[in-house]
PDB file of N, CA and C in Angstrom:
ATOM      1  N   MET A   1     -11.077 -18.327   1.502  1.00  0.00           N
ATOM      2  CA  MET A   1     -10.605 -17.285   2.324  1.00  0.00           C
ATOM      3  C   MET A   1      -9.074 -17.204   2.164  1.00  0.00           C
ATOM      4  N   TYR A   2      -8.484 -16.196   1.994  1.00  0.00           N
ATOM      5  CA  TYR A   2      -7.011 -15.895   1.861  1.00  0.00           C
ATOM      6  C   TYR A   2      -6.271 -16.417   3.059  1.00  0.00           C
ATOM      7  N   GLU A   3      -5.178 -17.233   3.004  1.00  0.00           N
ATOM      8  CA  GLU A   3      -4.505 -17.725   4.103  1.00  0.00           C
ATOM      9  C   GLU A   3      -3.255 -16.833   4.102  1.00  0.00           C
ATOM     10  N   SER A   4      -3.142 -15.927   4.802  1.00  0.00           N
ATOM     11  CA  SER A   4      -1.793 -15.068   4.952  1.00  0.00           C
ATOM     12  C   SER A   4      -0.795 -15.923   5.952  1.00  0.00           C
ATOM     13  N   ARG A   5       0.431 -15.740   5.528  1.00  0.00           N
ATOM     14  CA  ARG A   5       1.448 -16.323   6.362  1.00  0.00           C
ATOM     15  C   ARG A   5       1.789 -15.364   7.611  1.00  0.00           C
ATOM     16  N   LEU A   6       1.144 -14.342   7.645  1.00  0.00           N
ATOM     17  CA  LEU A   6       1.167 -13.443   8.614  1.00  0.00           C
ATOM     18  C   LEU A   6       0.139 -13.140   9.610  1.00  0.00           C
ATOM     19  N   ARG A   7      -0.934 -14.173   9.282  1.00  0.00           N
ATOM     20  CA  ARG A   7      -2.017 -14.193  10.285  1.00  0.00           C
ATOM     21  C   ARG A   7      -1.627 -14.429  11.774  1.00  0.00           C
ATOM     22  N   SER A   8      -2.243 -13.672  12.457  1.00  0.00           N
ATOM     23  CA  SER A   8      -2.138 -13.839  13.948  1.00  0.00           C
ATOM     24  C   SER A   8      -3.393 -13.322  14.719  1.00  0.00           C
ATOM     25  N   GLU A   9      -3.472 -13.437  15.948  1.00  0.00           N
ATOM     26  CA  GLU A   9      -4.704 -12.711  16.616  1.00  0.00           C
ATOM     27  C   GLU A   9      -4.403 -11.248  16.504  1.00  0.00           C
ATOM     28  N   GLU A  10      -3.116 -10.772  16.740  1.00  0.00           N
ATOM     29  CA  GLU A  10      -2.851  -9.483  16.962  1.00  0.00           C
ATOM     30  C   GLU A  10      -3.107  -8.747  15.414  1.00  0.00           C
ATOM     31  N   MET A  11      -2.835  -9.331  14.518  1.00  0.00           N
ATOM     32  CA  MET A  11      -2.951  -8.976  13.208  1.00  0.00           C
ATOM     33  C   MET A  11      -4.374  -8.800  12.923  1.00  0.00           C
ATOM     34  N   ASP A  12      -5.152  -9.676  13.234  1.00  0.00           N
ATOM     35  CA  ASP A  12      -6.571  -9.806  13.013  1.00  0.00           C
ATOM     36  C   ASP A  12      -7.147  -8.636  13.863  1.00  0.00           C
ATOM     37  N   ALA A  13      -6.750  -8.331  14.916  1.00  0.00           N
ATOM     38  CA  ALA A  13      -7.410  -7.108  15.713  1.00  0.00           C
ATOM     39  C   ALA A  13      -6.853  -5.849  15.028  1.00  0.00           C
ATOM     40  N   LEU A  14      -5.698  -5.686  14.545  1.00  0.00           N
ATOM     41  CA  LEU A  14      -5.279  -4.408  14.037  1.00  0.00           C
ATOM     42  C   LEU A  14      -6.142  -4.268  12.584  1.00  0.00           C
ATOM     43  N   PHE A  15      -6.455  -5.317  11.771  1.00  0.00           N
ATOM     44  CA  PHE A  15      -7.251  -5.104  10.448  1.00  0.00           C
ATOM     45  C   PHE A  15      -8.674  -4.954  10.911  1.00  0.00           C
ATOM     46  N   GLN A  16      -9.250  -5.523  11.877  1.00  0.00           N
ATOM     47  CA  GLN A  16     -10.561  -5.147  12.375  1.00  0.00           C
ATOM     48  C   GLN A  16     -10.782  -3.822  12.770  1.00  0.00           C
ATOM     49  N   ALA A  17      -9.745  -3.286  13.517  1.00  0.00           N
ATOM     50  CA  ALA A  17      -9.504  -1.958  13.899  1.00  0.00           C
ATOM     51  C   ALA A  17      -9.661  -1.011  12.489  1.00  0.00           C
ATOM     52  N   VAL A  18      -9.019  -1.310  11.728  1.00  0.00           N
ATOM     53  CA  VAL A  18      -8.911  -0.497  10.330  1.00  0.00           C
ATOM     54  C   VAL A  18     -10.242  -0.501   9.666  1.00  0.00           C
ATOM     55  N   LEU A  19     -10.818  -1.641   9.689  1.00  0.00           N
ATOM     56  CA  LEU A  19     -12.014  -1.727   9.036  1.00  0.00           C
ATOM     57  C   LEU A  19     -13.275  -1.149   9.680  1.00  0.00           C
ATOM     58  N   THR A  20     -13.092  -0.557  10.731  1.00  0.00           N
ATOM     59  CA  THR A  20     -13.948   0.378  11.636  1.00  0.00           C
ATOM     60  C   THR A  20     -13.876   1.702  11.390  1.00  0.00           C
ATOM     61  N   LEU A  21     -12.753   2.286  10.604  1.00  0.00           N
ATOM     62  CA  LEU A  21     -12.584   3.575  10.271  1.00  0.00           C
ATOM     63  C   LEU A  21     -13.296   4.019   9.330  1.00  0.00           C
ATOM     64  N   GLY A  22     -14.243   5.053   9.581  1.00  0.00           N
ATOM     65  CA  GLY A  22     -15.203   5.517   8.592  1.00  0.00           C
ATOM     66  C   GLY A  22     -15.017   6.585   7.760  1.00  0.00           C
ATOM     67  N   SER A  23     -13.823   7.322   7.792  1.00  0.00           N
ATOM     68  CA  SER A  23     -13.567   8.565   7.059  1.00  0.00           C
ATOM     69  C   SER A  23     -12.055   8.565   6.880  1.00  0.00           C
ATOM     70  N   GLU A  24     -11.808   9.582   5.980  1.00  0.00           N
ATOM     71  CA  GLU A  24     -10.472   9.761   5.662  1.00  0.00           C
ATOM     72  C   GLU A  24      -9.793  10.481   7.075  1.00  0.00           C
ATOM     73  N   GLU A  25     -10.465  11.218   7.775  1.00  0.00           N
ATOM     74  CA  GLU A  25      -9.970  12.005   8.898  1.00  0.00           C
ATOM     75  C   GLU A  25      -9.607  10.786  10.022  1.00  0.00           C
ATOM     76  N   ASP A  26     -10.680   9.926  10.138  1.00  0.00           N
ATOM     77  CA  ASP A  26     -10.360   8.615  11.015  1.00  0.00           C
ATOM     78  C   ASP A  26      -9.081   8.152  10.664  1.00  0.00           C
ATOM     79  N   CYS A  27      -8.785   7.741   9.407  1.00  0.00           N
ATOM     80  CA  CYS A  27      -7.552   7.236   9.139  1.00  0.00           C
ATOM     81  C   CYS A  27      -6.514   8.025   9.391  1.00  0.00           C
ATOM     82  N   TYR A  28      -6.417   9.289   9.107  1.00  0.00           N
ATOM     83  CA  TYR A  28      -5.226  10.100   9.592  1.00  0.00           C
ATOM     84  C   TYR A  28      -5.007   9.954  11.030  1.00  0.00           C
ATOM     85  N   ARG A  29      -6.109   9.960  11.747  1.00  0.00           N
ATOM     86  CA  ARG A  29      -5.820  10.103  13.343  1.00  0.00           C
ATOM     87  C   ARG A  29      -5.176   8.622  13.771  1.00  0.00           C
ATOM     88  N   PHE A  30      -5.910   7.593  13.273  1.00  0.00           N
ATOM     89  CA  PHE A  30      -5.445   6.279  13.530  1.00  0.00           C
ATOM     90  C   PHE A  30      -4.081   6.065  13.117  1.00  0.00           C
ATOM     91  N   PHE A  31      -3.623   6.197  11.929  1.00  0.00           N
ATOM     92  CA  PHE A  31      -2.374   5.940  11.440  1.00  0.00           C
ATOM     93  C   PHE A  31      -1.285   6.794  11.983  1.00  0.00           C
ATOM     94  N   GLU A  32      -1.596   8.087  12.265  1.00  0.00           N
ATOM     95  CA  GLU A  32      -0.597   9.088  12.866  1.00  0.00           C
ATOM     96  C   GLU A  32      -0.268   8.397  14.316  1.00  0.00           C
ATOM     97  N   ASP A  33      -1.253   7.838  15.062  1.00  0.00           N
ATOM     98  CA  ASP A  33      -1.015   7.243  16.370  1.00  0.00           C
ATOM     99  C   ASP A  33      -0.154   6.077  16.160  1.00  0.00           C
ATOM    100  N   LEU A  34      -0.551   5.125  15.119  1.00  0.00           N
ATOM    101  CA  LEU A  34       0.075   3.876  14.875  1.00  0.00           C
ATOM    102  C   LEU A  34       1.374   3.773  14.487  1.00  0.00           C
ATOM    103  N   CYS A  35       1.639   4.774  13.433  1.00  0.00           N
ATOM    104  CA  CYS A  35       2.857   4.667  12.661  1.00  0.00           C
ATOM    105  C   CYS A  35       3.730   5.929  12.803  1.00  0.00           C
ATOM    106  N   THR A  36       4.915   5.688  12.513  1.00  0.00           N
ATOM    107  CA  THR A  36       5.837   6.923  12.488  1.00  0.00           C
ATOM    108  C   THR A  36       5.553   7.629  11.090  1.00  0.00           C
ATOM    109  N   ILE A  37       6.023   8.828  11.118  1.00  0.00           N
ATOM    110  CA  ILE A  37       5.907   9.626   9.894  1.00  0.00           C
ATOM    111  C   ILE A  37       6.607   9.039   8.756  1.00  0.00           C
ATOM    112  N   GLY A  38       7.913   8.267   9.200  1.00  0.00           N
ATOM    113  CA  GLY A  38       8.663   7.605   7.947  1.00  0.00           C
ATOM    114  C   GLY A  38       7.898   6.469   7.359  1.00  0.00           C
ATOM    115  N   GLU A  39       7.300   5.815   8.353  1.00  0.00           N
ATOM    116  CA  GLU A  39       6.513   4.501   7.990  1.00  0.00           C
ATOM    117  C   GLU A  39       5.388   4.944   7.040  1.00  0.00           C
ATOM    118  N   LEU A  40       4.471   6.027   7.360  1.00  0.00           N
ATOM    119  CA  LEU A  40       3.578   6.333   6.524  1.00  0.00           C
ATOM    120  C   LEU A  40       3.845   6.825   5.334  1.00  0.00           C
ATOM    121  N   GLN A  41       4.957   7.772   5.262  1.00  0.00           N
ATOM    122  CA  GLN A  41       5.610   8.212   3.927  1.00  0.00           C
ATOM    123  C   GLN A  41       5.982   7.011   3.026  1.00  0.00           C
ATOM    124  N   ALA A  42       6.690   5.866   3.621  1.00  0.00           N
ATOM    125  CA  ALA A  42       6.997   4.781   2.886  1.00  0.00           C
ATOM    126  C   ALA A  42       5.904   4.053   2.284  1.00  0.00           C
ATOM    127  N   MET A  43       4.843   3.903   3.106  1.00  0.00           N
ATOM    128  CA  MET A  43       3.609   3.179   2.644  1.00  0.00           C
ATOM    129  C   MET A  43       3.103   4.068   1.465  1.00  0.00           C
ATOM    130  N   SER A  44       2.996   5.352   1.768  1.00  0.00           N
ATOM    131  CA  SER A  44       2.182   6.166   0.537  1.00  0.00           C
ATOM    132  C   SER A  44       2.981   6.157  -0.744  1.00  0.00           C
ATOM    133  N   GLN A  45       4.352   6.041  -0.322  1.00  0.00           N
ATOM    134  CA  GLN A  45       5.147   6.189  -1.769  1.00  0.00           C
ATOM    135  C   GLN A  45       5.098   4.740  -2.482  1.00  0.00           C
ATOM    136  N   ARG A  46       4.816   3.697  -1.735  1.00  0.00           N
ATOM    137  CA  ARG A  46       4.837   2.397  -2.351  1.00  0.00           C
ATOM    138  C   ARG A  46       3.323   2.430  -3.052  1.00  0.00           C
ATOM    139  N   PHE A  47       2.484   2.863  -2.534  1.00  0.00           N
ATOM    140  CA  PHE A  47       1.132   2.848  -3.087  1.00  0.00           C
ATOM    141  C   PHE A  47       1.105   3.835  -4.191  1.00  0.00           C
ATOM    142  N   ALA A  48       1.704   4.932  -4.273  1.00  0.00           N
ATOM    143  CA  ALA A  48       1.860   5.829  -5.501  1.00  0.00           C
ATOM    144  C   ALA A  48       2.646   5.194  -6.420  1.00  0.00           C
ATOM    145  N   VAL A  49       3.704   4.363  -6.300  1.00  0.00           N
ATOM    146  CA  VAL A  49       4.497   3.598  -7.176  1.00  0.00           C
ATOM    147  C   VAL A  49       3.559   2.551  -7.798  1.00  0.00           C
ATOM    148  N   ALA A  50       2.788   1.818  -6.920  1.00  0.00           N
ATOM    149  CA  ALA A  50       1.668   0.804  -7.731  1.00  0.00           C
ATOM    150  C   ALA A  50       0.773   1.736  -8.683  1.00  0.00           C
ATOM    151  N   ARG A  51       0.182   2.600  -8.230  1.00  0.00           N
ATOM    152  CA  ARG A  51      -0.771   3.279  -9.054  1.00  0.00           C
ATOM    153  C   ARG A  51      -0.047   3.535 -10.429  1.00  0.00           C
ATOM    154  N   LEU A  52       1.138   4.178 -10.438  1.00  0.00           N
ATOM    155  CA  LEU A  52       1.862   4.509 -11.609  1.00  0.00           C
ATOM    156  C   LEU A  52       2.210   3.318 -12.498  1.00  0.00           C
ATOM    157  N   LEU A  53       2.648   2.374 -11.791  1.00  0.00           N
ATOM    158  CA  LEU A  53       2.960   0.967 -12.487  1.00  0.00           C
ATOM    159  C   LEU A  53       1.692   0.432 -13.178  1.00  0.00           C
ATOM    160  N   ARG A  54       0.505   0.465 -12.517  1.00  0.00           N
ATOM    161  CA  ARG A  54      -0.743   0.019 -13.089  1.00  0.00           C
ATOM    162  C   ARG A  54      -0.993   0.842 -14.241  1.00  0.00           C
ATOM    163  N   ARG A  55      -0.614   2.112 -14.256  1.00  0.00           N
ATOM    164  CA  ARG A  55      -0.898   3.097 -15.430  1.00  0.00           C
ATOM    165  C   ARG A  55       0.020   2.823 -16.442  1.00  0.00           C
ATOM    166  N   GLY A  56       1.063   2.049 -16.475  1.00  0.00           N
ATOM    167  CA  GLY A  56       2.053   1.756 -17.359  1.00  0.00           C
ATOM    168  C   GLY A  56       3.363   2.641 -17.464  1.00  0.00           C
ATOM    169  N   GLU A  57       3.449   3.293 -16.356  1.00  0.00           N
ATOM    170  CA  GLU A  57       4.729   4.206 -16.377  1.00  0.00           C
ATOM    171  C   GLU A  57       5.718   3.476 -16.123  1.00  0.00           C
ATOM    172  N   THR A  58       7.091   4.064 -16.810  1.00  0.00           N
ATOM    173  CA  THR A  58       8.216   3.580 -16.810  1.00  0.00           C
ATOM    174  C   THR A  58       8.926   3.765 -15.278  1.00  0.00           C
ATOM    175  N   TYR A  59       9.991   2.765 -15.122  1.00  0.00           N
ATOM    176  CA  TYR A  59      10.669   2.879 -13.744  1.00  0.00           C
ATOM    177  C   TYR A  59      11.291   4.380 -13.648  1.00  0.00           C
ATOM    178  N   SER A  60      11.937   4.952 -14.753  1.00  0.00           N
ATOM    179  CA  SER A  60      12.439   6.229 -14.673  1.00  0.00           C
ATOM    180  C   SER A  60      11.549   7.440 -14.410  1.00  0.00           C
ATOM    181  N   VAL A  61      10.212   7.349 -14.816  1.00  0.00           N
ATOM    182  CA  VAL A  61       9.246   8.203 -14.736  1.00  0.00           C
ATOM    183  C   VAL A  61       8.797   8.043 -13.340  1.00  0.00           C
ATOM    184  N   ILE A  62       8.558   6.779 -12.796  1.00  0.00           N
ATOM    185  CA  ILE A  62       8.049   6.505 -11.558  1.00  0.00           C
ATOM    186  C   ILE A  62       9.114   7.130 -10.508  1.00  0.00           C
ATOM    187  N   ALA A  63      10.510   6.807 -10.700  1.00  0.00           N
ATOM    188  CA  ALA A  63      11.454   7.550  -9.921  1.00  0.00           C
ATOM    189  C   ALA A  63      11.400   8.900  -9.657  1.00  0.00           C
ATOM    190  N   GLU A  64      11.218   9.397 -10.902  1.00  0.00           N
ATOM    191  CA  GLU A  64      11.187  10.950 -10.869  1.00  0.00           C
ATOM    192  C   GLU A  64       9.863  11.622 -10.257  1.00  0.00           C
ATOM    193  N   LYS A  65       8.771  11.000 -10.416  1.00  0.00           N
ATOM    194  CA  LYS A  65       7.653  11.492  -9.800  1.00  0.00           C
ATOM    195  C   LYS A  65       7.551  11.103  -8.408  1.00  0.00           C
ATOM    196  N   THR A  66       7.964  10.066  -7.706  1.00  0.00           N
ATOM    197  CA  THR A  66       7.785   9.834  -6.465  1.00  0.00           C
ATOM    198  C   THR A  66       9.158   9.818  -5.481  1.00  0.00           C
ATOM    199  N   GLY A  67      10.270   9.683  -6.260  1.00  0.00           N
ATOM    200  CA  GLY A  67      11.315   9.775  -5.317  1.00  0.00           C
ATOM    201  C   GLY A  67      11.795   8.288  -4.930  1.00  0.00           C
ATOM    202  N   ALA A  68      11.141   7.316  -5.408  1.00  0.00           N
ATOM    203  CA  ALA A  68      11.392   5.943  -5.129  1.00  0.00           C
ATOM    204  C   ALA A  68      12.706   5.380  -5.696  1.00  0.00           C
ATOM    205  N   SER A  69      13.189   4.539  -5.015  1.00  0.00           N
ATOM    206  CA  SER A  69      14.421   3.912  -5.579  1.00  0.00           C
ATOM    207  C   SER A  69      14.037   2.775  -6.578  1.00  0.00           C
ATOM    208  N   SER A  70      15.052   2.303  -7.506  1.00  0.00           N
ATOM    209  CA  SER A  70      14.572   1.265  -8.317  1.00  0.00           C
ATOM    210  C   SER A  70      14.205  -0.006  -7.588  1.00  0.00           C
ATOM    211  N   ALA A  71      14.961  -0.295  -6.525  1.00  0.00           N
ATOM    212  CA  ALA A  71      14.671  -1.580  -5.647  1.00  0.00           C
ATOM    213  C   ALA A  71      13.299  -1.329  -5.151  1.00  0.00           C
ATOM    214  N   THR A  72      12.676  -0.251  -4.726  1.00  0.00           N
ATOM    215  CA  THR A  72      11.351  -0.021  -4.324  1.00  0.00           C
ATOM    216  C   THR A  72      10.353  -0.347  -5.380  1.00  0.00           C
ATOM    217  N   ILE A  73      10.694   0.374  -6.548  1.00  0.00           N
ATOM    218  CA  ILE A  73       9.643   0.249  -7.547  1.00  0.00           C
ATOM    219  C   ILE A  73       9.562  -1.204  -8.186  1.00  0.00           C
ATOM    220  N   SER A  74      10.906  -1.971  -8.055  1.00  0.00           N
ATOM    221  CA  SER A  74      10.947  -3.370  -8.575  1.00  0.00           C
ATOM    222  C   SER A  74      10.209  -4.370  -7.545  1.00  0.00           C
ATOM    223  N   ARG A  75      10.274  -3.877  -6.169  1.00  0.00           N
ATOM    224  CA  ARG A  75       9.552  -4.811  -5.111  1.00  0.00           C
ATOM    225  C   ARG A  75       8.079  -4.567  -5.425  1.00  0.00           C
ATOM    226  N   VAL A  76       7.518  -3.260  -5.566  1.00  0.00           N
ATOM    227  CA  VAL A  76       6.241  -3.118  -5.724  1.00  0.00           C
ATOM    228  C   VAL A  76       5.796  -3.845  -7.164  1.00  0.00           C
ATOM    229  N   ASN A  77       6.446  -3.799  -8.105  1.00  0.00           N
ATOM    230  CA  ASN A  77       6.184  -4.412  -9.270  1.00  0.00           C
ATOM    231  C   ASN A  77       5.928  -5.832  -9.275  1.00  0.00           C
ATOM    232  N   ARG A  78       6.853  -6.471  -8.289  1.00  0.00           N
ATOM    233  CA  ARG A  78       6.703  -8.160  -8.008  1.00  0.00           C
ATOM    234  C   ARG A  78       5.347  -8.300  -7.192  1.00  0.00           C
ATOM    235  N   CYS A  79       5.073  -7.428  -6.334  1.00  0.00           N
ATOM    236  CA  CYS A  79       3.827  -7.544  -5.583  1.00  0.00           C
ATOM    237  C   CYS A  79       2.604  -7.523  -6.531  1.00  0.00           C
ATOM    238  N   LEU A  80       2.664  -6.425  -7.445  1.00  0.00           N
ATOM    239  CA  LEU A  80       1.631  -6.294  -8.416  1.00  0.00           C
ATOM    240  C   LEU A  80       1.419  -7.657  -9.316  1.00  0.00           C
ATOM    241  N   VAL A  81       2.566  -8.076  -9.553  1.00  0.00           N
ATOM    242  CA  VAL A  81       2.593  -9.272 -10.678  1.00  0.00           C
ATOM    243  C   VAL A  81       2.366 -10.588  -9.839  1.00  0.00           C
ATOM    244  N   TYR A  82       3.129 -10.833  -8.802  1.00  0.00           N
ATOM    245  CA  TYR A  82       3.110 -12.264  -8.006  1.00  0.00           C
ATOM    246  C   TYR A  82       2.575 -12.147  -6.696  1.00  0.00           C
ATOM    247  N   GLY A  83       2.007 -10.907  -6.236  1.00  0.00           N
ATOM    248  CA  GLY A  83       1.560 -10.934  -4.772  1.00  0.00           C
ATOM    249  C   GLY A  83       0.310 -11.504  -4.555  1.00  0.00           C
ATOM    250  N   ALA A  84      -0.142 -11.013  -3.415  1.00  0.00           N
ATOM    251  CA  ALA A  84      -1.444 -11.450  -2.839  1.00  0.00           C
ATOM    252  C   ALA A  84      -2.654 -10.728  -3.318  1.00  0.00           C
ATOM    253  N   ALA A  85      -2.327  -9.811  -4.576  1.00  0.00           N
ATOM    254  CA  ALA A  85      -3.428  -9.078  -5.211  1.00  0.00           C
ATOM    255  C   ALA A  85      -3.954  -7.931  -4.369  1.00  0.00           C
ATOM    256  N   GLY A  86      -3.348  -7.540  -3.245  1.00  0.00           N
ATOM    257  CA  GLY A  86      -3.848  -6.511  -2.396  1.00  0.00           C
ATOM    258  C   GLY A  86      -3.793  -5.220  -3.166  1.00  0.00           C
ATOM    259  N   TYR A  87      -2.746  -4.832  -3.796  1.00  0.00           N
ATOM    260  CA  TYR A  87      -2.537  -3.625  -4.472  1.00  0.00           C
ATOM    261  C   TYR A  87      -3.757  -3.590  -5.636  1.00  0.00           C
ATOM    262  N   ARG A  88      -3.645  -4.665  -6.474  1.00  0.00           N
ATOM    263  CA  ARG A  88      -4.578  -4.603  -7.563  1.00  0.00           C
ATOM    264  C   ARG A  88      -5.987  -4.635  -7.200  1.00  0.00           C
ATOM    265  N   ASP A  89      -6.505  -5.305  -6.003  1.00  0.00           N
ATOM    266  CA  ASP A  89      -7.918  -5.170  -5.678  1.00  0.00           C
ATOM    267  C   ASP A  89      -8.114  -3.534  -5.098  1.00  0.00           C
ATOM    268  N   ALA A  90      -7.334  -3.028  -4.365  1.00  0.00           N
ATOM    269  CA  ALA A  90      -7.473  -1.773  -3.977  1.00  0.00           C
ATOM    270  C   ALA A  90      -7.561  -0.723  -5.009  1.00  0.00           C
ATOM    271  N   LEU A  91      -6.800  -0.790  -5.906  1.00  0.00           N
ATOM    272  CA  LEU A  91      -6.674   0.056  -7.137  1.00  0.00           C
ATOM    273  C   LEU A  91      -7.881  -0.138  -7.936  1.00  0.00           C
ATOM    274  N   THR A  92      -8.367  -1.327  -8.208  1.00  0.00           N
ATOM    275  CA  THR A  92      -9.544  -1.564  -8.816  1.00  0.00           C
ATOM    276  C   THR A  92     -10.708  -0.921  -8.097  1.00  0.00           C
ATOM    277  N   ARG A  93     -10.836  -0.981  -6.799  1.00  0.00           N
ATOM    278  CA  ARG A  93     -11.759  -0.575  -6.041  1.00  0.00           C
ATOM    279  C   ARG A  93     -11.951   1.038  -6.136  1.00  0.00           C
ATOM    280  N   LEU A  94     -10.682   1.482  -6.362  1.00  0.00           N
ATOM    281  CA  LEU A  94     -10.543   2.962  -6.517  1.00  0.00           C
ATOM    282  C   LEU A  94     -10.844   3.664  -7.916  1.00  0.00           C
ATOM    283  N   GLY A  95     -10.995   2.509  -8.715  1.00  0.00           N
ATOM    284  CA  GLY A  95     -11.431   2.876 -10.364  1.00  0.00           C
ATOM    285  C   GLY A  95     -10.249   3.200 -11.051  1.00  0.00           C
ATOM    286  N   GLU A  96      -9.071   2.422 -10.612  1.00  0.00           N
ATOM    287  CA  GLU A  96      -7.802   2.797 -11.263  1.00  0.00           C
ATOM    288  C   GLU A  96      -7.303   1.576 -11.959  1.00  0.00           C
TER     289      GLU A  96
END
């Protein structure tokens, strides 16, 4: 089992709630209530960056396509290479 340094009862409850979401519409409704527009845009941008990095795109192409800063791209790349494998696993499950 993965031992996250973020683990808490509150985090567990949040993730259990996410796991109950059965459709994309459910996700939109839940995350629009949970997060600000800016938080959702930042998360979706980081995921887009991860997808492009996984495809082998350069930082300059990724910045142009997503509007992400080089710092954001670098952070996502560090997570892909040295992180908890969350991006990798999600992208693999999506067939990417």
